[in-house]
Protein backbone atom coordinates (compact mmCIF):
# COMPACT_ATOMS: atom_id res chain seq x y z
CA MET A 1 73.09 231.02 -53.25
CA ALA A 2 73.23 227.48 -51.90
CA PRO A 3 76.60 226.10 -50.80
CA ALA A 4 77.83 223.40 -53.21
CA GLY A 5 76.02 220.09 -52.82
CA LEU A 6 73.52 221.37 -50.24
CA LEU A 7 69.77 221.89 -50.54
CA SER A 8 67.72 224.77 -49.16
CA VAL A 9 65.61 223.41 -46.29
CA GLY A 10 64.35 226.55 -44.54
CA ARG A 11 65.11 229.93 -43.08
CA ILE A 12 65.36 231.57 -39.68
CA ALA A 13 62.29 233.74 -39.23
CA LYS A 14 63.11 235.45 -35.93
CA PRO A 15 64.55 235.04 -32.44
CA HIS A 16 62.30 233.51 -29.78
CA GLY A 17 62.84 234.38 -26.13
CA LEU A 18 66.05 235.40 -24.41
CA LYS A 19 68.09 232.16 -24.45
CA GLY A 20 69.04 232.06 -28.14
CA GLU A 21 66.11 230.09 -29.48
CA LEU A 22 64.96 230.81 -33.02
CA ILE A 23 61.82 230.30 -35.04
CA VAL A 24 62.65 228.26 -38.16
CA VAL A 25 60.35 227.94 -41.16
CA LEU A 26 61.04 224.74 -43.06
CA THR A 27 60.68 224.66 -46.84
CA SER A 28 60.93 220.88 -46.60
CA ASN A 29 58.28 218.51 -45.30
CA ARG A 30 61.01 216.32 -43.83
CA HIS A 31 61.00 216.99 -40.09
CA GLU A 32 64.24 215.06 -39.59
CA ARG A 33 65.87 218.32 -40.75
CA VAL A 34 65.25 219.69 -37.24
CA LEU A 35 66.09 216.62 -35.14
CA VAL A 36 68.56 217.10 -32.30
CA GLY A 37 72.07 216.61 -33.69
CA SER A 38 71.20 217.64 -37.24
CA VAL A 39 73.63 220.07 -38.82
CA LEU A 40 72.36 222.94 -40.96
CA HIS A 41 74.54 225.29 -43.00
CA THR A 42 74.30 228.97 -43.94
CA THR A 43 75.39 230.79 -47.09
CA HIS A 44 78.29 232.21 -45.09
CA GLY A 45 79.75 228.73 -44.50
CA ARG A 46 78.64 228.56 -40.88
CA GLN A 47 77.46 225.22 -39.47
CA LEU A 48 74.67 225.16 -36.91
CA THR A 49 74.01 222.03 -34.83
CA ILE A 50 70.50 221.56 -33.46
CA ALA A 51 70.59 221.19 -29.67
CA ALA A 52 66.80 221.24 -29.17
CA SER A 53 63.69 221.64 -31.31
CA ALA A 54 59.92 221.58 -30.95
CA ALA A 55 57.01 222.17 -33.27
CA HIS A 56 55.66 225.69 -32.79
CA GLN A 57 52.38 226.41 -34.64
CA ASP A 58 53.29 225.76 -38.32
CA ARG A 59 57.01 226.36 -37.70
CA TRP A 60 59.76 225.10 -35.40
CA ARG A 61 61.34 226.54 -32.26
CA VAL A 62 65.01 225.61 -32.49
CA ARG A 63 68.05 226.07 -30.27
CA PHE A 64 71.42 225.75 -31.98
CA ALA A 65 74.48 224.76 -29.93
CA GLU A 66 76.41 227.67 -31.48
CA VAL A 67 73.83 230.33 -30.54
CA PRO A 68 74.17 231.13 -26.82
CA ASP A 69 71.82 234.10 -26.40
CA ARG A 70 69.30 236.46 -27.96
CA ASN A 71 71.98 238.77 -29.38
CA ALA A 72 73.52 235.89 -31.33
CA ALA A 73 70.02 234.78 -32.38
CA GLU A 74 69.11 238.25 -33.66
CA ALA A 75 72.19 238.24 -35.89
CA LEU A 76 70.78 235.17 -37.69
CA HIS A 77 67.37 236.69 -38.48
CA GLY A 78 66.44 235.90 -42.10
CA THR A 79 69.31 233.44 -42.65
CA GLU A 80 68.61 230.72 -45.20
CA LEU A 81 69.40 227.19 -44.01
CA PHE A 82 70.86 224.36 -46.10
CA ALA A 83 71.47 220.65 -45.53
CA GLU A 84 72.89 217.57 -47.18
CA PRO A 85 70.45 215.71 -49.47
CA LEU A 86 68.63 212.90 -47.68
CA HIS A 87 69.05 209.37 -48.99
CA ASP A 88 65.66 207.68 -49.28
CA PRO A 89 65.36 205.06 -52.02
CA ASP A 90 61.56 205.31 -51.92
CA ALA A 91 61.46 209.06 -52.58
CA LEU A 92 61.81 211.00 -55.80
CA TRP A 93 63.64 214.25 -55.03
CA ILE A 94 63.30 217.37 -57.17
CA HIS A 95 67.06 217.91 -57.36
CA GLU A 96 67.40 214.39 -58.76
CA LEU A 97 64.91 215.10 -61.54
CA ILE A 98 67.03 217.78 -63.18
CA ASN A 99 68.65 216.39 -66.36
CA ALA A 100 66.67 213.13 -66.12
CA ASP A 101 65.36 211.66 -69.36
CA VAL A 102 61.56 211.60 -69.64
CA VAL A 103 59.92 208.64 -71.36
CA LEU A 104 56.43 207.21 -71.90
CA PRO A 105 55.48 203.82 -70.41
CA ASP A 106 56.45 202.13 -73.69
CA GLY A 107 59.94 203.69 -73.49
CA SER A 108 59.38 206.37 -76.15
CA PRO A 109 61.51 209.44 -75.40
CA VAL A 110 59.73 212.68 -74.53
CA GLY A 111 62.59 214.99 -73.51
CA ARG A 112 64.85 215.94 -70.63
CA VAL A 113 63.92 217.69 -67.36
CA VAL A 114 65.43 221.19 -67.05
CA ALA A 115 63.43 222.46 -64.05
CA VAL A 116 60.56 221.79 -61.69
CA GLU A 117 58.20 224.67 -61.00
CA SER A 118 55.74 224.98 -58.16
CA ALA A 119 52.23 225.51 -59.47
CA GLY A 120 49.46 225.20 -56.91
CA ALA A 121 47.69 221.90 -57.41
CA SER A 122 50.71 220.07 -58.83
CA ASP A 123 54.36 220.87 -59.44
CA LEU A 124 55.29 221.04 -63.12
CA VAL A 125 58.15 219.15 -64.73
CA VAL A 126 59.65 221.53 -67.31
CA LEU A 127 61.11 219.82 -70.36
CA ASP A 128 64.02 221.03 -72.49
CA ASP A 129 61.61 222.03 -75.28
CA GLY A 130 59.50 224.18 -72.93
CA ARG A 131 56.61 221.77 -72.45
CA MET A 132 55.37 221.33 -68.89
CA ILE A 133 54.06 218.09 -67.43
CA PRO A 134 52.12 218.11 -64.15
CA MET A 135 53.95 215.96 -61.59
CA VAL A 136 50.78 213.90 -61.05
CA PHE A 137 51.53 212.18 -64.37
CA VAL A 138 54.96 210.95 -63.21
CA VAL A 139 54.40 207.27 -62.51
CA SER A 140 57.88 205.90 -61.79
CA ASN A 141 61.57 206.24 -62.38
CA ASN A 142 63.96 203.68 -63.79
CA PRO A 143 67.77 203.51 -63.72
CA ASN A 144 69.38 204.29 -67.06
CA THR A 145 72.76 203.59 -68.62
CA ASN A 146 74.31 207.02 -67.86
CA GLY A 147 74.14 206.54 -64.07
CA GLY A 148 70.96 208.56 -63.59
CA PHE A 149 67.42 207.52 -64.20
CA SER A 150 64.54 208.02 -66.57
CA VAL A 151 61.28 209.52 -65.39
CA VAL A 152 58.28 207.61 -66.71
CA ILE A 153 55.17 209.70 -67.35
CA ASP A 154 51.68 208.57 -68.31
CA PRO A 155 49.93 211.74 -69.52
CA PRO A 156 46.38 211.92 -70.87
CA ALA A 157 45.88 212.07 -74.63
CA GLY A 158 46.71 215.49 -76.08
CA LEU A 159 48.93 216.75 -73.25
CA LEU A 160 52.13 216.30 -75.25
CA ASP A 161 50.72 217.57 -78.55
CA PRO A 162 52.13 220.87 -79.80
CA ALA A 163 50.03 223.88 -78.85
CA GLU A 164 47.53 224.80 -81.49
CA SER A 165 47.75 228.32 -82.84
CA TRP A 166 44.68 230.43 -82.40
């Protein structure tokens, strides 16, 4: 379970070499998560500060300041890594979508986001009534009066219609 206020950003796959380096698999496409000086957290409340990192195939080779040798690295095998949310005003983050109002371009209400599910070609925005909207139809977000924002969708005709019974 994620520590309060932190997002899952990856996991430690395995030790690499004898000097405490680890192979980290990011679940985020934001490479600043592994920049020198970044702090990652574990479910056990431990903080790990990145002392060095380099791309390694489709993963990252990382040395944490708190991991001095292979024995310490082996103890972290499989550990999930968490970090503070990034602040990027030009990005729409999944964790920010939860509980957002969903509206059409004309402002008509559609529902509220309860989850986002990964689904191959496009993530799906799951509404409170069970309908799912492919993320490709999210066109913008607008601030609303309750301190959050509304997600504006522009779906093709028929996507929001109730399912027909067979």
